Amino acid sequence: MASERRALQPRKQPRQARAEHTRQRILAAAAHVFAEYGHAAGTTNRIAEQARISIGSLYQYYPNKDAILVELMTRHLDAGMTALSRGDDDTAPSSLEDGIRRYVRRTIDNHQDDPHLLRVMLEQAPCSSELLEKVSRYQQTRTAHARELIEDHPEVRVADREVAARLLVSTVELVVHQLIAAPDPLAPTRLESELVTMLTRYLKGDAGERESRTPHSI
């Protein structure tokens, strides 16, 4: 177990600017290689060549390509958390739809940099205990944020707010992951619009739509 853990961790943390620059080059090169070749063909030799360093230099920082992919996934999760925390500085949403739109838009923005790399990370990144723990914390934080968004909102009609918050987070994450990284991805604006409409109607319980219907004559 300890050996497996070490195999998915960086070998050293850079303490000098030059070393940190080299690590950033490795990660940028790996993102390019994985996006172009996938996990199986995204070898450390290709990553080193793309980074313009020797394979020996690469191995000073990472024991294998899986450790590099885990770090890329970790950084993706960290970026998502940063985007979520930045949203806390926004002015209060004017309506439920506005709040949901902000949440959906931040999620989409965090997944647009490289859809091909995103697919590799989601489908093929090895799961270390640290990564699984980070994913769990990430989901808990996002669920708490969604719960806060809908908890006392007068437009929300669903009875179980905890379940609704979990469904909101899971739906946005899964749909965005799938459709941004799909071979024929939806345009971000279209994806945002459809997701916001679907989630807003669910949270409102379609109350407004039901009230607008006139009963059929018997």
C-alpha atoms as a PDB file:
ATOM      1  CA  MET A   1       0.000   0.000   0.000  1.00  0.00           C
ATOM      2  CA  ALA A   2       2.796   2.425   0.909  1.00  0.00           C
ATOM      3  CA  SER A   3       4.634   1.620  -2.321  1.00  0.00           C
ATOM      4  CA  GLU A   4       1.449   2.245  -4.352  1.00  0.00           C
ATOM      5  CA  ARG A   5       0.984   5.551  -2.565  1.00  0.00           C
ATOM      6  CA  ARG A   6       4.539   6.635  -3.345  1.00  0.00           C
ATOM      7  CA  ALA A   7       4.087   5.647  -6.983  1.00  0.00           C
ATOM      8  CA  LEU A   8       1.350   8.277  -7.370  1.00  0.00           C
ATOM      9  CA  GLN A   9       3.122  11.116  -5.573  1.00  0.00           C
ATOM     10  CA  PRO A  10       5.692  13.634  -6.809  1.00  0.00           C
ATOM     11  CA  ARG A  11       9.237  12.709  -5.868  1.00  0.00           C
ATOM     12  CA  LYS A  12      10.143  16.166  -4.626  1.00  0.00           C
ATOM     13  CA  GLN A  13       8.661  19.581  -4.073  1.00  0.00           C
ATOM     14  CA  PRO A  14      10.682  22.334  -5.773  1.00  0.00           C
ATOM     15  CA  ARG A  15      12.245  24.853  -3.390  1.00  0.00           C
ATOM     16  CA  GLN A  16      13.824  27.116  -5.976  1.00  0.00           C
ATOM     17  CA  ALA A  17      12.225  29.135  -8.757  1.00  0.00           C
ATOM     18  CA  ARG A  18      14.150  27.254 -11.424  1.00  0.00           C
ATOM     19  CA  ALA A  19      12.982  23.881 -10.132  1.00  0.00           C
ATOM     20  CA  GLU A  20       9.385  25.089  -9.929  1.00  0.00           C
ATOM     21  CA  HIS A  21       9.644  26.340 -13.501  1.00  0.00           C
ATOM     22  CA  THR A  22      10.797  22.882 -14.594  1.00  0.00           C
ATOM     23  CA  ARG A  23       7.887  21.234 -12.816  1.00  0.00           C
ATOM     24  CA  GLN A  24       5.426  23.616 -14.468  1.00  0.00           C
ATOM     25  CA  ARG A  25       6.948  22.758 -17.850  1.00  0.00           C
ATOM     26  CA  ILE A  26       6.482  19.053 -17.121  1.00  0.00           C
ATOM     27  CA  LEU A  27       2.837  19.532 -16.159  1.00  0.00           C
ATOM     28  CA  ALA A  28       2.099  21.741 -19.164  1.00  0.00           C
ATOM     29  CA  ALA A  29       3.794  19.234 -21.465  1.00  0.00           C
ATOM     30  CA  ALA A  30       1.905  16.341 -19.870  1.00  0.00           C
ATOM     31  CA  ALA A  31      -1.421  18.124 -20.340  1.00  0.00           C
ATOM     32  CA  HIS A  32      -0.618  18.553 -24.028  1.00  0.00           C
ATOM     33  CA  VAL A  33       0.563  14.953 -24.476  1.00  0.00           C
ATOM     34  CA  PHE A  34      -2.343  13.344 -22.618  1.00  0.00           C
ATOM     35  CA  ALA A  35      -4.836  15.478 -24.543  1.00  0.00           C
ATOM     36  CA  GLU A  36      -3.289  14.504 -27.873  1.00  0.00           C
ATOM     37  CA  TYR A  37      -2.340  10.860 -27.289  1.00  0.00           C
ATOM     38  CA  GLY A  38      -4.469   9.719 -24.354  1.00  0.00           C
ATOM     39  CA  HIS A  39      -3.233   7.936 -21.258  1.00  0.00           C
ATOM     40  CA  ALA A  40      -1.911   4.736 -22.837  1.00  0.00           C
ATOM     41  CA  ALA A  41       0.222   6.442 -25.486  1.00  0.00           C
ATOM     42  CA  GLY A  42       1.040   9.458 -23.343  1.00  0.00           C
ATOM     43  CA  THR A  43       4.417   8.149 -22.266  1.00  0.00           C
ATOM     44  CA  THR A  44       6.981   9.838 -20.049  1.00  0.00           C
ATOM     45  CA  ASN A  45       9.332   9.951 -23.054  1.00  0.00           C
ATOM     46  CA  ARG A  46       6.790  11.981 -24.995  1.00  0.00           C
ATOM     47  CA  ILE A  47       6.197  14.238 -22.001  1.00  0.00           C
ATOM     48  CA  ALA A  48       9.938  14.842 -21.547  1.00  0.00           C
ATOM     49  CA  GLU A  49      10.338  15.551 -25.252  1.00  0.00           C
ATOM     50  CA  GLN A  50       7.430  18.001 -25.204  1.00  0.00           C
ATOM     51  CA  ALA A  51       8.883  19.714 -22.105  1.00  0.00           C
ATOM     52  CA  ARG A  52      12.332  19.770 -23.746  1.00  0.00           C
ATOM     53  CA  ILE A  53      14.044  18.123 -20.810  1.00  0.00           C
ATOM     54  CA  SER A  54      15.784  14.790 -20.392  1.00  0.00           C
ATOM     55  CA  ILE A  55      13.835  11.763 -19.208  1.00  0.00           C
ATOM     56  CA  GLY A  56      16.169  11.665 -16.208  1.00  0.00           C
ATOM     57  CA  SER A  57      15.155  15.196 -15.253  1.00  0.00           C
ATOM     58  CA  LEU A  58      11.488  14.244 -15.459  1.00  0.00           C
ATOM     59  CA  TYR A  59      12.037  11.278 -13.135  1.00  0.00           C
ATOM     60  CA  GLN A  60      13.595  13.590 -10.568  1.00  0.00           C
ATOM     61  CA  TYR A  61      10.144  15.094 -10.129  1.00  0.00           C
ATOM     62  CA  TYR A  62       7.708  12.262 -10.884  1.00  0.00           C
ATOM     63  CA  PRO A  63       8.140   8.468 -10.682  1.00  0.00           C
ATOM     64  CA  ASN A  64       5.795   7.771 -13.624  1.00  0.00           C
ATOM     65  CA  LYS A  65       3.092   9.231 -15.844  1.00  0.00           C
ATOM     66  CA  ASP A  66       0.312   8.231 -13.442  1.00  0.00           C
ATOM     67  CA  ALA A  67       1.763  10.501 -10.751  1.00  0.00           C
ATOM     68  CA  ILE A  68       1.734  13.353 -13.262  1.00  0.00           C
ATOM     69  CA  LEU A  69      -1.882  12.650 -14.238  1.00  0.00           C
ATOM     70  CA  VAL A  70      -2.920  12.552 -10.561  1.00  0.00           C
ATOM     71  CA  GLU A  71      -1.325  15.960 -10.035  1.00  0.00           C
ATOM     72  CA  LEU A  72      -3.148  17.359 -13.064  1.00  0.00           C
ATOM     73  CA  MET A  73      -6.419  16.027 -11.659  1.00  0.00           C
ATOM     74  CA  THR A  74      -5.613  17.507  -8.243  1.00  0.00           C
ATOM     75  CA  ARG A  75      -4.992  20.895  -9.828  1.00  0.00           C
ATOM     76  CA  HIS A  76      -8.269  20.654 -11.718  1.00  0.00           C
ATOM     77  CA  LEU A  77     -10.123  20.088  -8.445  1.00  0.00           C
ATOM     78  CA  ASP A  78      -8.253  22.948  -6.771  1.00  0.00           C
ATOM     79  CA  ALA A  79      -9.215  25.263  -9.641  1.00  0.00           C
ATOM     80  CA  GLY A  80     -12.851  24.276  -9.163  1.00  0.00           C
ATOM     81  CA  MET A  81     -12.680  25.107  -5.465  1.00  0.00           C
ATOM     82  CA  THR A  82     -11.035  28.453  -6.228  1.00  0.00           C
ATOM     83  CA  ALA A  83     -13.739  29.296  -8.756  1.00  0.00           C
ATOM     84  CA  LEU A  84     -16.415  28.437  -6.195  1.00  0.00           C
ATOM     85  CA  SER A  85     -14.825  30.598  -3.484  1.00  0.00           C
ATOM     86  CA  ARG A  86     -14.478  33.533  -5.878  1.00  0.00           C
ATOM     87  CA  GLY A  87     -18.224  33.353  -6.352  1.00  0.00           C
ATOM     88  CA  ASP A  88     -18.679  34.174  -2.666  1.00  0.00           C
ATOM     89  CA  ASP A  89     -17.568  37.728  -3.444  1.00  0.00           C
ATOM     90  CA  ASP A  90     -20.375  38.246  -5.963  1.00  0.00           C
ATOM     91  CA  THR A  91     -23.410  40.349  -5.189  1.00  0.00           C
ATOM     92  CA  ALA A  92     -26.440  38.376  -4.083  1.00  0.00           C
ATOM     93  CA  PRO A  93     -28.285  36.746  -7.008  1.00  0.00           C
ATOM     94  CA  SER A  94     -31.412  38.593  -8.061  1.00  0.00           C
ATOM     95  CA  SER A  95     -33.439  35.389  -8.414  1.00  0.00           C
ATOM     96  CA  LEU A  96     -33.178  31.628  -8.088  1.00  0.00           C
ATOM     97  CA  GLU A  97     -32.464  31.361 -11.813  1.00  0.00           C
ATOM     98  CA  ASP A  98     -29.671  33.922 -11.509  1.00  0.00           C
ATOM     99  CA  GLY A  99     -28.059  31.970  -8.657  1.00  0.00           C
ATOM    100  CA  ILE A 100     -28.259  28.677 -10.548  1.00  0.00           C
ATOM    101  CA  ARG A 101     -26.870  30.341 -13.678  1.00  0.00           C
ATOM    102  CA  ARG A 102     -23.832  31.638 -11.801  1.00  0.00           C
ATOM    103  CA  TYR A 103     -23.174  28.191 -10.352  1.00  0.00           C
ATOM    104  CA  VAL A 104     -23.533  26.445 -13.720  1.00  0.00           C
ATOM    105  CA  ARG A 105     -21.415  29.039 -15.532  1.00  0.00           C
ATOM    106  CA  ARG A 106     -18.534  28.729 -13.049  1.00  0.00           C
ATOM    107  CA  THR A 107     -18.600  24.960 -13.446  1.00  0.00           C
ATOM    108  CA  ILE A 108     -18.575  25.157 -17.248  1.00  0.00           C
ATOM    109  CA  ASP A 109     -15.775  27.740 -17.221  1.00  0.00           C
ATOM    110  CA  ASN A 110     -13.648  25.392 -15.103  1.00  0.00           C
ATOM    111  CA  HIS A 111     -14.019  22.631 -17.698  1.00  0.00           C
ATOM    112  CA  GLN A 112     -13.361  24.465 -20.943  1.00  0.00           C
ATOM    113  CA  ASP A 113      -9.560  24.745 -20.967  1.00  0.00           C
ATOM    114  CA  ASP A 114      -8.944  21.369 -22.594  1.00  0.00           C
ATOM    115  CA  PRO A 115     -11.901  18.992 -23.022  1.00  0.00           C
ATOM    116  CA  HIS A 116      -9.659  16.204 -24.361  1.00  0.00           C
ATOM    117  CA  LEU A 117      -7.457  16.322 -21.264  1.00  0.00           C
ATOM    118  CA  LEU A 118     -10.581  16.440 -19.103  1.00  0.00           C
ATOM    119  CA  ARG A 119     -11.815  13.192 -20.629  1.00  0.00           C
ATOM    120  CA  VAL A 120      -8.466  11.471 -19.950  1.00  0.00           C
ATOM    121  CA  MET A 121      -8.437  12.700 -16.347  1.00  0.00           C
ATOM    122  CA  LEU A 122     -12.010  11.617 -15.665  1.00  0.00           C
ATOM    123  CA  GLU A 123     -11.810   8.225 -17.325  1.00  0.00           C
ATOM    124  CA  GLN A 124      -8.232   7.114 -16.747  1.00  0.00           C
ATOM    125  CA  ALA A 125      -6.666   8.937 -13.793  1.00  0.00           C
ATOM    126  CA  PRO A 126      -5.571   6.394 -11.147  1.00  0.00           C
ATOM    127  CA  CYS A 127      -7.252   6.815  -7.769  1.00  0.00           C
ATOM    128  CA  SER A 128      -4.924   7.464  -4.862  1.00  0.00           C
ATOM    129  CA  SER A 129      -6.299   7.758  -1.330  1.00  0.00           C
ATOM    130  CA  GLU A 130      -5.312  11.436  -1.294  1.00  0.00           C
ATOM    131  CA  LEU A 131      -7.123  12.089  -4.552  1.00  0.00           C
ATOM    132  CA  LEU A 132     -10.253  10.272  -3.389  1.00  0.00           C
ATOM    133  CA  GLU A 133     -10.211  12.303  -0.170  1.00  0.00           C
ATOM    134  CA  LYS A 134      -9.843  15.530  -2.141  1.00  0.00           C
ATOM    135  CA  VAL A 135     -12.736  14.554  -4.427  1.00  0.00           C
ATOM    136  CA  SER A 136     -14.873  13.845  -1.348  1.00  0.00           C
ATOM    137  CA  ARG A 137     -14.047  17.228   0.213  1.00  0.00           C
ATOM    138  CA  TYR A 138     -14.701  18.906  -3.113  1.00  0.00           C
ATOM    139  CA  GLN A 139     -18.166  17.343  -3.357  1.00  0.00           C
ATOM    140  CA  GLN A 140     -19.003  18.171   0.252  1.00  0.00           C
ATOM    141  CA  THR A 141     -18.005  21.807  -0.212  1.00  0.00           C
ATOM    142  CA  ARG A 142     -19.987  22.162  -3.426  1.00  0.00           C
ATOM    143  CA  THR A 143     -23.029  20.511  -1.832  1.00  0.00           C
ATOM    144  CA  ALA A 144     -22.826  22.894   1.139  1.00  0.00           C
ATOM    145  CA  HIS A 145     -22.631  25.815  -1.284  1.00  0.00           C
ATOM    146  CA  ALA A 146     -25.666  24.561  -3.232  1.00  0.00           C
ATOM    147  CA  ARG A 147     -27.590  23.968   0.013  1.00  0.00           C
ATOM    148  CA  GLU A 148     -26.878  27.552   1.068  1.00  0.00           C
ATOM    149  CA  LEU A 149     -28.085  28.769  -2.319  1.00  0.00           C
ATOM    150  CA  ILE A 150     -31.480  27.067  -2.051  1.00  0.00           C
ATOM    151  CA  GLU A 151     -32.009  26.605   1.707  1.00  0.00           C
ATOM    152  CA  ASP A 152     -34.296  29.544   2.445  1.00  0.00           C
ATOM    153  CA  HIS A 153     -34.988  30.763  -1.053  1.00  0.00           C
ATOM    154  CA  PRO A 154     -38.672  31.685  -1.442  1.00  0.00           C
ATOM    155  CA  GLU A 155     -38.825  30.325  -5.002  1.00  0.00           C
ATOM    156  CA  VAL A 156     -37.701  26.820  -4.034  1.00  0.00           C
ATOM    157  CA  ARG A 157     -40.560  24.345  -3.680  1.00  0.00           C
ATOM    158  CA  VAL A 158     -38.814  20.983  -3.252  1.00  0.00           C
ATOM    159  CA  ALA A 159     -39.312  19.571   0.223  1.00  0.00           C
ATOM    160  CA  ASP A 160     -35.946  17.921   0.890  1.00  0.00           C
ATOM    161  CA  ARG A 161     -33.309  20.628   0.430  1.00  0.00           C
ATOM    162  CA  GLU A 162     -30.380  18.335   1.255  1.00  0.00           C
ATOM    163  CA  VAL A 163     -31.318  15.871  -1.473  1.00  0.00           C
ATOM    164  CA  ALA A 164     -31.996  18.749  -3.853  1.00  0.00           C
ATOM    165  CA  ALA A 165     -28.545  20.234  -3.194  1.00  0.00           C
ATOM    166  CA  ARG A 166     -26.848  16.888  -3.829  1.00  0.00           C
ATOM    167  CA  LEU A 167     -28.836  16.378  -7.019  1.00  0.00           C
ATOM    168  CA  LEU A 168     -27.983  19.879  -8.207  1.00  0.00           C
ATOM    169  CA  VAL A 169     -24.236  19.339  -7.692  1.00  0.00           C
ATOM    170  CA  SER A 170     -24.163  15.842  -9.179  1.00  0.00           C
ATOM    171  CA  THR A 171     -26.288  16.812 -12.174  1.00  0.00           C
ATOM    172  CA  VAL A 172     -24.154  19.834 -13.048  1.00  0.00           C
ATOM    173  CA  GLU A 173     -20.868  17.963 -12.565  1.00  0.00           C
ATOM    174  CA  LEU A 174     -21.857  14.861 -14.531  1.00  0.00           C
ATOM    175  CA  VAL A 175     -23.613  16.659 -17.376  1.00  0.00           C
ATOM    176  CA  VAL A 176     -20.842  19.221 -17.828  1.00  0.00           C
ATOM    177  CA  HIS A 177     -18.154  16.530 -17.675  1.00  0.00           C
ATOM    178  CA  GLN A 178     -19.920  14.415 -20.268  1.00  0.00           C
ATOM    179  CA  LEU A 179     -20.974  17.088 -22.728  1.00  0.00           C
ATOM    180  CA  ILE A 180     -17.947  19.387 -22.599  1.00  0.00           C
ATOM    181  CA  ALA A 181     -15.617  16.425 -23.195  1.00  0.00           C
ATOM    182  CA  ALA A 182     -17.855  14.687 -25.753  1.00  0.00           C
ATOM    183  CA  PRO A 183     -16.621  14.159 -29.337  1.00  0.00           C
ATOM    184  CA  ASP A 184     -19.454  16.482 -30.425  1.00  0.00           C
ATOM    185  CA  PRO A 185     -19.672  18.879 -27.449  1.00  0.00           C
ATOM    186  CA  LEU A 186     -22.556  21.234 -26.878  1.00  0.00           C
ATOM    187  CA  ALA A 187     -21.775  24.932 -27.191  1.00  0.00           C
ATOM    188  CA  PRO A 188     -21.142  26.284 -23.656  1.00  0.00           C
ATOM    189  CA  THR A 189     -23.889  28.903 -23.912  1.00  0.00           C
ATOM    190  CA  ARG A 190     -26.436  26.310 -25.044  1.00  0.00           C
ATOM    191  CA  LEU A 191     -25.363  23.886 -22.336  1.00  0.00           C
ATOM    192  CA  GLU A 192     -25.633  26.614 -19.704  1.00  0.00           C
ATOM    193  CA  SER A 193     -29.088  27.678 -20.868  1.00  0.00           C
ATOM    194  CA  GLU A 194     -30.538  24.163 -20.923  1.00  0.00           C
ATOM    195  CA  LEU A 195     -29.042  23.182 -17.559  1.00  0.00           C
ATOM    196  CA  VAL A 196     -30.296  26.340 -15.869  1.00  0.00           C
ATOM    197  CA  THR A 197     -33.798  25.830 -17.264  1.00  0.00           C
ATOM    198  CA  MET A 198     -33.911  22.189 -16.187  1.00  0.00           C
ATOM    199  CA  LEU A 199     -32.613  22.799 -12.653  1.00  0.00           C
ATOM    200  CA  THR A 200     -34.686  25.921 -12.025  1.00  0.00           C
ATOM    201  CA  ARG A 201     -37.892  24.115 -13.009  1.00  0.00           C
ATOM    202  CA  TYR A 202     -36.998  21.199 -10.745  1.00  0.00           C
ATOM    203  CA  LEU A 203     -36.289  23.427  -7.748  1.00  0.00           C
ATOM    204  CA  LYS A 204     -39.445  25.486  -8.314  1.00  0.00           C
ATOM    205  CA  GLY A 205     -41.482  22.310  -8.623  1.00  0.00           C
ATOM    206  CA  ASP A 206     -42.912  23.696 -11.867  1.00  0.00           C
ATOM    207  CA  ALA A 207     -45.265  25.749  -9.677  1.00  0.00           C
ATOM    208  CA  GLY A 208     -45.371  28.674 -12.032  1.00  0.00           C
ATOM    209  CA  GLU A 209     -46.078  26.439 -15.012  1.00  0.00           C
ATOM    210  CA  ARG A 210     -48.872  24.585 -13.214  1.00  0.00           C
ATOM    211  CA  GLU A 211     -50.507  27.820 -12.122  1.00  0.00           C
ATOM    212  CA  SER A 212     -50.525  29.133 -15.678  1.00  0.00           C
ATOM    213  CA  ARG A 213     -52.422  26.140 -17.037  1.00  0.00           C
ATOM    214  CA  THR A 214     -56.161  26.373 -17.404  1.00  0.00           C
ATOM    215  CA  PRO A 215     -58.201  23.257 -16.604  1.00  0.00           C
ATOM    216  CA  HIS A 216     -59.690  21.400 -19.521  1.00  0.00           C
ATOM    217  CA  SER A 217     -63.431  21.408 -19.852  1.00  0.00           C
ATOM    218  CA  ILE A 218     -65.135  18.145 -19.078  1.00  0.00           C
END
